[in-house]
Amino acid sequence: MPFELGLLNSIHDDFIGIGVSAVDITSDLLKGRPYGGTAILYNKALVSGTNVINCDEPRMCAISIDTNNGPVLICERIHAN
């Protein structure tokens, strides 16, 4: 659920998480089983060189990590059934 995304940061003390939820909570009534979304966990040691990429897609998240060899883009996408 969107309001639970903050829990990603409590999985492990050495990691930070970013995530997106595909569950729409704007309606007063949720139908069926809430599903959909994805997350990326990355080590806190990478924070200074990490940028969260805004994907504007409820089933995709991405980060860019600066390295000595240039930036690395990491994307995570869940496919809808």
N, C-alpha and C. Protein backbone atom coordinates (compact mmCIF):
# COMPACT_ATOMS: atom_id res chain seq x y z
N MET A 1 0.85 -1.18 0.00
CA MET A 1 0.00 0.00 0.00
C MET A 1 0.90 1.25 0.00
N PRO A 2 0.46 2.33 -0.59
CA PRO A 2 1.28 3.53 -0.67
C PRO A 2 1.74 4.06 0.70
N PHE A 3 0.90 3.95 1.70
CA PHE A 3 1.26 4.47 3.01
C PHE A 3 2.24 3.56 3.75
N GLU A 4 2.57 2.41 3.21
CA GLU A 4 3.52 1.49 3.83
C GLU A 4 4.92 1.55 3.21
N LEU A 5 5.12 2.39 2.21
CA LEU A 5 6.41 2.45 1.52
C LEU A 5 7.55 2.87 2.45
N GLY A 6 7.25 3.64 3.47
CA GLY A 6 8.28 4.04 4.43
C GLY A 6 8.89 2.86 5.17
N LEU A 7 8.19 1.73 5.21
CA LEU A 7 8.72 0.53 5.87
C LEU A 7 9.95 -0.02 5.16
N LEU A 8 10.16 0.36 3.91
CA LEU A 8 11.35 -0.10 3.18
C LEU A 8 12.63 0.32 3.90
N ASN A 9 12.60 1.45 4.55
CA ASN A 9 13.79 1.95 5.25
C ASN A 9 14.05 1.25 6.57
N SER A 10 13.15 0.38 6.99
CA SER A 10 13.34 -0.33 8.25
C SER A 10 13.70 -1.80 8.03
N ILE A 11 13.93 -2.21 6.80
CA ILE A 11 14.27 -3.61 6.51
C ILE A 11 15.65 -3.95 7.06
N HIS A 12 16.62 -3.06 6.87
CA HIS A 12 17.98 -3.29 7.35
C HIS A 12 18.62 -1.93 7.62
N ASP A 13 19.39 -1.83 8.69
CA ASP A 13 20.00 -0.56 9.08
C ASP A 13 20.98 0.00 8.04
N ASP A 14 21.57 -0.86 7.23
CA ASP A 14 22.58 -0.42 6.26
C ASP A 14 22.00 -0.06 4.89
N PHE A 15 20.66 -0.15 4.75
CA PHE A 15 20.06 0.06 3.44
C PHE A 15 18.96 1.11 3.47
N ILE A 16 18.78 1.74 2.32
CA ILE A 16 17.70 2.70 2.09
C ILE A 16 16.84 2.14 0.97
N GLY A 17 15.55 2.36 1.06
CA GLY A 17 14.66 1.84 0.03
C GLY A 17 13.82 2.93 -0.60
N ILE A 18 13.60 2.78 -1.89
CA ILE A 18 12.63 3.62 -2.60
C ILE A 18 11.64 2.67 -3.26
N GLY A 19 10.42 3.09 -3.38
CA GLY A 19 9.44 2.20 -3.98
C GLY A 19 8.22 2.96 -4.46
N VAL A 20 7.43 2.28 -5.24
CA VAL A 20 6.17 2.82 -5.74
C VAL A 20 5.10 1.75 -5.56
N SER A 21 3.89 2.20 -5.37
CA SER A 21 2.76 1.29 -5.25
C SER A 21 1.79 1.58 -6.38
N ALA A 22 1.24 0.52 -6.95
CA ALA A 22 0.26 0.68 -8.03
C ALA A 22 -1.16 0.68 -7.49
N VAL A 23 -1.32 0.61 -6.18
CA VAL A 23 -2.65 0.59 -5.58
C VAL A 23 -3.18 2.02 -5.51
N ASP A 24 -4.36 2.23 -6.03
CA ASP A 24 -5.01 3.54 -6.02
C ASP A 24 -5.87 3.64 -4.76
N ILE A 25 -5.48 4.53 -3.85
CA ILE A 25 -6.24 4.68 -2.60
C ILE A 25 -7.08 5.96 -2.61
N THR A 26 -7.27 6.55 -3.77
CA THR A 26 -8.06 7.78 -3.83
C THR A 26 -9.55 7.50 -3.67
N SER A 27 -9.96 6.28 -3.92
CA SER A 27 -11.36 5.90 -3.75
C SER A 27 -11.57 5.44 -2.31
N ASP A 28 -12.78 5.60 -1.82
CA ASP A 28 -13.09 5.17 -0.46
C ASP A 28 -13.17 3.65 -0.33
N LEU A 29 -13.26 2.95 -1.44
CA LEU A 29 -13.45 1.51 -1.43
C LEU A 29 -12.39 0.83 -2.28
N LEU A 30 -11.63 -0.07 -1.64
CA LEU A 30 -10.67 -0.88 -2.38
C LEU A 30 -11.33 -2.21 -2.72
N LYS A 31 -11.24 -2.60 -3.97
CA LYS A 31 -11.83 -3.86 -4.39
C LYS A 31 -10.73 -4.88 -4.62
N GLY A 32 -11.02 -6.13 -4.26
CA GLY A 32 -10.08 -7.21 -4.52
C GLY A 32 -8.85 -7.14 -3.64
N ARG A 33 -7.83 -7.86 -4.04
CA ARG A 33 -6.58 -7.94 -3.28
C ARG A 33 -5.64 -6.83 -3.76
N PRO A 34 -5.19 -5.96 -2.86
CA PRO A 34 -4.25 -4.92 -3.27
C PRO A 34 -2.93 -5.54 -3.75
N TYR A 35 -2.47 -5.13 -4.92
CA TYR A 35 -1.24 -5.66 -5.46
C TYR A 35 -0.60 -4.62 -6.37
N GLY A 36 0.62 -4.88 -6.72
CA GLY A 36 1.30 -4.05 -7.70
C GLY A 36 2.22 -3.03 -7.06
N GLY A 37 3.40 -2.94 -7.59
CA GLY A 37 4.39 -2.02 -7.09
C GLY A 37 5.75 -2.68 -7.09
N THR A 38 6.76 -1.90 -6.85
CA THR A 38 8.11 -2.42 -6.85
C THR A 38 8.99 -1.53 -6.00
N ALA A 39 10.19 -2.02 -5.68
CA ALA A 39 11.10 -1.27 -4.81
C ALA A 39 12.55 -1.61 -5.14
N ILE A 40 13.43 -0.70 -4.76
CA ILE A 40 14.87 -0.90 -4.86
C ILE A 40 15.46 -0.58 -3.50
N LEU A 41 16.29 -1.48 -2.98
CA LEU A 41 17.06 -1.23 -1.76
C LEU A 41 18.51 -1.02 -2.16
N TYR A 42 19.14 0.01 -1.58
CA TYR A 42 20.56 0.22 -1.87
C TYR A 42 21.29 0.60 -0.59
N ASN A 43 22.57 0.29 -0.58
CA ASN A 43 23.41 0.50 0.60
C ASN A 43 23.57 1.99 0.90
N LYS A 44 23.52 2.34 2.17
CA LYS A 44 23.66 3.74 2.58
C LYS A 44 25.00 4.33 2.18
N ALA A 45 26.01 3.49 1.99
CA ALA A 45 27.33 3.98 1.58
C ALA A 45 27.27 4.62 0.18
N LEU A 46 26.23 4.33 -0.58
CA LEU A 46 26.09 4.87 -1.94
C LEU A 46 25.25 6.13 -2.01
N VAL A 47 24.76 6.62 -0.86
CA VAL A 47 23.81 7.72 -0.84
C VAL A 47 24.34 8.98 -1.53
N SER A 48 25.58 9.34 -1.31
CA SER A 48 26.07 10.60 -1.88
C SER A 48 26.09 10.58 -3.40
N GLY A 49 26.18 9.42 -4.02
CA GLY A 49 26.21 9.33 -5.47
C GLY A 49 24.94 8.78 -6.08
N THR A 50 23.86 8.74 -5.30
CA THR A 50 22.62 8.14 -5.79
C THR A 50 21.54 9.19 -5.99
N ASN A 51 20.86 9.10 -7.12
CA ASN A 51 19.74 9.99 -7.42
C ASN A 51 18.52 9.14 -7.75
N VAL A 52 17.39 9.48 -7.14
CA VAL A 52 16.14 8.80 -7.45
C VAL A 52 15.58 9.40 -8.73
N ILE A 53 15.21 8.55 -9.67
CA ILE A 53 14.67 8.98 -10.95
C ILE A 53 13.14 8.93 -10.88
N ASN A 54 12.49 10.04 -11.21
CA ASN A 54 11.03 10.08 -11.23
C ASN A 54 10.55 9.45 -12.53
N CYS A 55 9.86 8.32 -12.43
CA CYS A 55 9.43 7.59 -13.63
C CYS A 55 7.99 7.91 -14.03
N ASP A 56 7.21 8.54 -13.16
CA ASP A 56 5.80 8.82 -13.45
C ASP A 56 5.04 7.56 -13.89
N GLU A 57 5.41 6.44 -13.33
CA GLU A 57 4.80 5.14 -13.65
C GLU A 57 4.60 4.38 -12.35
N PRO A 58 3.35 3.99 -12.02
CA PRO A 58 3.10 3.36 -10.73
C PRO A 58 3.66 1.94 -10.58
N ARG A 59 4.22 1.38 -11.63
CA ARG A 59 4.78 0.03 -11.55
C ARG A 59 6.28 0.01 -11.86
N MET A 60 6.94 1.17 -11.72
CA MET A 60 8.36 1.24 -12.05
C MET A 60 9.06 2.23 -11.15
N CYS A 61 10.27 1.88 -10.71
CA CYS A 61 11.11 2.82 -9.97
C CYS A 61 12.54 2.68 -10.49
N ALA A 62 13.33 3.74 -10.30
CA ALA A 62 14.69 3.73 -10.83
C ALA A 62 15.58 4.65 -10.00
N ILE A 63 16.86 4.30 -9.97
CA ILE A 63 17.88 5.15 -9.36
C ILE A 63 19.08 5.22 -10.30
N SER A 64 19.84 6.29 -10.17
CA SER A 64 21.09 6.45 -10.90
C SER A 64 22.19 6.54 -9.85
N ILE A 65 23.24 5.74 -10.04
CA ILE A 65 24.38 5.74 -9.11
C ILE A 65 25.61 6.21 -9.86
N ASP A 66 26.25 7.26 -9.35
CA ASP A 66 27.49 7.75 -9.95
C ASP A 66 28.65 6.84 -9.54
N THR A 67 29.44 6.40 -10.53
CA THR A 67 30.60 5.55 -10.26
C THR A 67 31.83 6.19 -10.91
N ASN A 68 32.98 5.61 -10.66
CA ASN A 68 34.22 6.11 -11.27
C ASN A 68 34.20 5.95 -12.79
N ASN A 69 33.38 5.03 -13.29
CA ASN A 69 33.30 4.77 -14.73
C ASN A 69 32.10 5.45 -15.38
N GLY A 70 31.38 6.26 -14.62
CA GLY A 70 30.20 6.93 -15.14
C GLY A 70 28.94 6.47 -14.41
N PRO A 71 27.81 7.06 -14.74
CA PRO A 71 26.57 6.73 -14.03
C PRO A 71 26.04 5.35 -14.43
N VAL A 72 25.39 4.71 -13.46
CA VAL A 72 24.73 3.42 -13.69
C VAL A 72 23.25 3.61 -13.37
N LEU A 73 22.39 3.22 -14.29
CA LEU A 73 20.95 3.33 -14.10
C LEU A 73 20.41 1.96 -13.70
N ILE A 74 19.67 1.92 -12.59
CA ILE A 74 19.05 0.68 -12.12
C ILE A 74 17.55 0.91 -12.12
N CYS A 75 16.84 0.06 -12.87
CA CYS A 75 15.39 0.16 -12.99
C CYS A 75 14.75 -1.13 -12.53
N GLU A 76 13.58 -1.00 -11.93
CA GLU A 76 12.80 -2.15 -11.52
C GLU A 76 11.38 -1.91 -12.00
N ARG A 77 10.82 -2.88 -12.71
CA ARG A 77 9.46 -2.75 -13.23
C ARG A 77 8.74 -4.07 -13.03
N ILE A 78 7.50 -3.98 -12.59
CA ILE A 78 6.67 -5.16 -12.44
C ILE A 78 5.69 -5.18 -13.60
N HIS A 79 5.48 -6.35 -14.14
CA HIS A 79 4.56 -6.51 -15.26
C HIS A 79 3.18 -6.83 -14.74
N ALA A 80 2.18 -6.17 -15.26
CA ALA A 80 0.80 -6.44 -14.87
C ALA A 80 0.30 -7.68 -15.60
N ASN A 81 -0.45 -8.48 -14.92
CA ASN A 81 -1.03 -9.67 -15.54
C ASN A 81 -2.40 -9.40 -16.07
